Every structure is written in C-alpha cells, then in structure tokens.
Amino acid sequence: MINLEKIRKIIRKIYENSTDIEVLQEELEDMLTAIDNLNLKYKSGKISKEDYNFSNKKFKKESLSLINKINKLVDLNLNLIKTISNEFLSQKEMTK
C-alpha cells in the first residue's frame, strides 16, 4: 500500500524548499543588479577603484553563497521527488 501520509509530508517539504528557493533567487537577482549598478558607478567615475574592488568582491561572494544555498535546496528537492517516485514504484512492483 502506498504511504500517502509520507508522500504528503514530502510534498509539504518540497513546497517549503521551493518557497525558500524563490526567496533566494530574488535575493540573487537583487545582488546581480547591485553588481551591475556598481559596474556602472565605477565606469562613470562615481566610485574609486578601491571601493569598487571591495564592493565587487563582497557582492560576488554573497552571490556565490546564494547560488550554493539554491543548489543545495534543489538537490534536496530532487532527492525528495525520487523518494516519492520510489514509493509509487514499490507499490507497482507489489501488484505484479
């Protein structure tokens, strides 16, 4: 018999992770916009090379951290989806 309660719990976790991914993606978009704006300010001479380098390094480090968090949640969701698939496949095998 398919464990529907287990599947419901997994689906809720996938939804929670997906919501977190959405928030992180928005933060990443904001960070990439900040990098673009920083580049424009530097090219137009509004900030010094030192300020540019400091901020650019900081923004890129934060962006990489966000990407890593997103990837971790995506991998987690993929594993949860495999768990659901295995639950259904095991039921299918039992009925053969």
C-alpha atoms as a PDB file:
ATOM      1  CA  MET A   1       0.000   0.000   0.000  1.00  0.00           C
ATOM      2  CA  ILE A   2       1.238   3.495  -0.838  1.00  0.00           C
ATOM      3  CA  ASN A   3       2.122   5.502   2.243  1.00  0.00           C
ATOM      4  CA  LEU A   4       0.125   8.627   1.411  1.00  0.00           C
ATOM      5  CA  GLU A   5       0.919  10.387   4.678  1.00  0.00           C
ATOM      6  CA  LYS A   6       4.638  10.035   3.959  1.00  0.00           C
ATOM      7  CA  ILE A   7       4.076  11.430   0.473  1.00  0.00           C
ATOM      8  CA  ARG A   8       2.060  14.364   1.848  1.00  0.00           C
ATOM      9  CA  LYS A   9       4.878  15.229   4.256  1.00  0.00           C
ATOM     10  CA  ILE A  10       7.439  15.072   1.487  1.00  0.00           C
ATOM     11  CA  ILE A  11       5.303  17.254  -0.768  1.00  0.00           C
ATOM     12  CA  ARG A  12       4.975  19.838   2.022  1.00  0.00           C
ATOM     13  CA  LYS A  13       8.769  19.834   2.417  1.00  0.00           C
ATOM     14  CA  ILE A  14       9.231  20.253  -1.342  1.00  0.00           C
ATOM     15  CA  TYR A  15       6.836  23.209  -1.235  1.00  0.00           C
ATOM     16  CA  GLU A  16       8.698  24.780   1.700  1.00  0.00           C
ATOM     17  CA  ASN A  17      12.032  24.309  -0.052  1.00  0.00           C
ATOM     18  CA  SER A  18      10.610  25.755  -3.268  1.00  0.00           C
ATOM     19  CA  THR A  19       9.407  28.824  -1.390  1.00  0.00           C
ATOM     20  CA  ASP A  20      12.897  29.232   0.086  1.00  0.00           C
ATOM     21  CA  ILE A  21      14.406  28.851  -3.386  1.00  0.00           C
ATOM     22  CA  GLU A  22      12.124  31.590  -4.686  1.00  0.00           C
ATOM     23  CA  VAL A  23      13.235  33.978  -1.924  1.00  0.00           C
ATOM     24  CA  LEU A  24      16.901  33.158  -2.510  1.00  0.00           C
ATOM     25  CA  GLN A  25      16.510  33.688  -6.261  1.00  0.00           C
ATOM     26  CA  GLU A  26      15.014  37.117  -5.629  1.00  0.00           C
ATOM     27  CA  GLU A  27      17.934  37.955  -3.341  1.00  0.00           C
ATOM     28  CA  LEU A  28      20.338  36.745  -6.031  1.00  0.00           C
ATOM     29  CA  GLU A  29      18.645  38.907  -8.665  1.00  0.00           C
ATOM     30  CA  ASP A  30      18.989  41.900  -6.330  1.00  0.00           C
ATOM     31  CA  MET A  31      22.661  41.092  -5.801  1.00  0.00           C
ATOM     32  CA  LEU A  32      23.292  40.819  -9.546  1.00  0.00           C
ATOM     33  CA  THR A  33      21.549  44.157 -10.047  1.00  0.00           C
ATOM     34  CA  ALA A  34      23.786  45.644  -7.350  1.00  0.00           C
ATOM     35  CA  ILE A  35      26.848  44.319  -9.200  1.00  0.00           C
ATOM     36  CA  ASP A  36      25.603  45.884 -12.453  1.00  0.00           C
ATOM     37  CA  ASN A  37      24.979  49.196 -10.697  1.00  0.00           C
ATOM     38  CA  LEU A  38      28.420  49.033  -9.093  1.00  0.00           C
ATOM     39  CA  ASN A  39      29.999  48.497 -12.519  1.00  0.00           C
ATOM     40  CA  LEU A  40      28.129  51.493 -13.911  1.00  0.00           C
ATOM     41  CA  LYS A  41      29.199  53.689 -10.999  1.00  0.00           C
ATOM     42  CA  TYR A  42      32.809  52.649 -11.431  1.00  0.00           C
ATOM     43  CA  LYS A  43      32.801  53.180 -15.206  1.00  0.00           C
ATOM     44  CA  SER A  44      31.264  56.619 -14.771  1.00  0.00           C
ATOM     45  CA  GLY A  45      33.882  57.572 -12.181  1.00  0.00           C
ATOM     46  CA  LYS A  46      31.444  57.893  -9.277  1.00  0.00           C
ATOM     47  CA  ILE A  47      33.406  55.485  -7.051  1.00  0.00           C
ATOM     48  CA  SER A  48      37.110  54.767  -6.607  1.00  0.00           C
ATOM     49  CA  LYS A  49      38.834  51.631  -7.817  1.00  0.00           C
ATOM     50  CA  GLU A  50      39.413  50.582  -4.189  1.00  0.00           C
ATOM     51  CA  ASP A  51      35.722  50.960  -3.310  1.00  0.00           C
ATOM     52  CA  TYR A  52      34.779  49.138  -6.497  1.00  0.00           C
ATOM     53  CA  ASN A  53      37.110  46.220  -5.797  1.00  0.00           C
ATOM     54  CA  PHE A  54      35.965  45.925  -2.184  1.00  0.00           C
ATOM     55  CA  SER A  55      32.256  46.021  -3.020  1.00  0.00           C
ATOM     56  CA  ASN A  56      32.586  43.847  -6.112  1.00  0.00           C
ATOM     57  CA  LYS A  57      34.376  41.142  -4.137  1.00  0.00           C
ATOM     58  CA  LYS A  58      31.773  41.332  -1.361  1.00  0.00           C
ATOM     59  CA  PHE A  59      28.820  41.175  -3.781  1.00  0.00           C
ATOM     60  CA  LYS A  60      30.290  38.259  -5.720  1.00  0.00           C
ATOM     61  CA  LYS A  61      30.975  36.341  -2.509  1.00  0.00           C
ATOM     62  CA  GLU A  62      27.378  36.890  -1.368  1.00  0.00           C
ATOM     63  CA  SER A  63      26.097  35.861  -4.811  1.00  0.00           C
ATOM     64  CA  LEU A  64      28.088  32.644  -4.703  1.00  0.00           C
ATOM     65  CA  SER A  65      26.725  31.890  -1.242  1.00  0.00           C
ATOM     66  CA  LEU A  66      23.162  32.376  -2.513  1.00  0.00           C
ATOM     67  CA  ILE A  67      23.818  30.129  -5.517  1.00  0.00           C
ATOM     68  CA  ASN A  68      25.181  27.419  -3.221  1.00  0.00           C
ATOM     69  CA  LYS A  69      22.103  27.640  -0.979  1.00  0.00           C
ATOM     70  CA  ILE A  70      19.799  27.429  -4.006  1.00  0.00           C
ATOM     71  CA  ASN A  71      21.670  24.427  -5.395  1.00  0.00           C
ATOM     72  CA  LYS A  72      21.536  22.651  -2.044  1.00  0.00           C
ATOM     73  CA  LEU A  73      17.753  23.094  -1.850  1.00  0.00           C
ATOM     74  CA  VAL A  74      17.312  21.997  -5.474  1.00  0.00           C
ATOM     75  CA  ASP A  75      19.315  18.834  -4.778  1.00  0.00           C
ATOM     76  CA  LEU A  76      17.253  18.196  -1.663  1.00  0.00           C
ATOM     77  CA  ASN A  77      14.017  18.567  -3.640  1.00  0.00           C
ATOM     78  CA  LEU A  78      15.269  16.229  -6.354  1.00  0.00           C
ATOM     79  CA  ASN A  79      16.034  13.602  -3.719  1.00  0.00           C
ATOM     80  CA  LEU A  80      12.597  14.073  -2.181  1.00  0.00           C
ATOM     81  CA  ILE A  81      10.999  13.635  -5.596  1.00  0.00           C
ATOM     82  CA  LYS A  82      12.970  10.399  -6.043  1.00  0.00           C
ATOM     83  CA  THR A  83      11.639   9.217  -2.689  1.00  0.00           C
ATOM     84  CA  ILE A  84       8.075   9.812  -3.847  1.00  0.00           C
ATOM     85  CA  SER A  85       8.761   8.064  -7.123  1.00  0.00           C
ATOM     86  CA  ASN A  86      10.238   5.074  -5.310  1.00  0.00           C
ATOM     87  CA  GLU A  87       7.188   4.875  -3.070  1.00  0.00           C
ATOM     88  CA  PHE A  88       4.912   4.598  -6.101  1.00  0.00           C
ATOM     89  CA  LEU A  89       7.234   2.204  -7.906  1.00  0.00           C
ATOM     90  CA  SER A  90       7.369  -0.101  -4.910  1.00  0.00           C
ATOM     91  CA  GLN A  91       3.579  -0.245  -4.874  1.00  0.00           C
ATOM     92  CA  LYS A  92       3.542  -1.004  -8.577  1.00  0.00           C
ATOM     93  CA  GLU A  93       6.011  -3.865  -8.063  1.00  0.00           C
ATOM     94  CA  MET A  94       3.855  -5.297  -5.290  1.00  0.00           C
ATOM     95  CA  THR A  95       0.850  -5.526  -7.604  1.00  0.00           C
ATOM     96  CA  LYS A  96       2.640  -7.528 -10.271  1.00  0.00           C
END
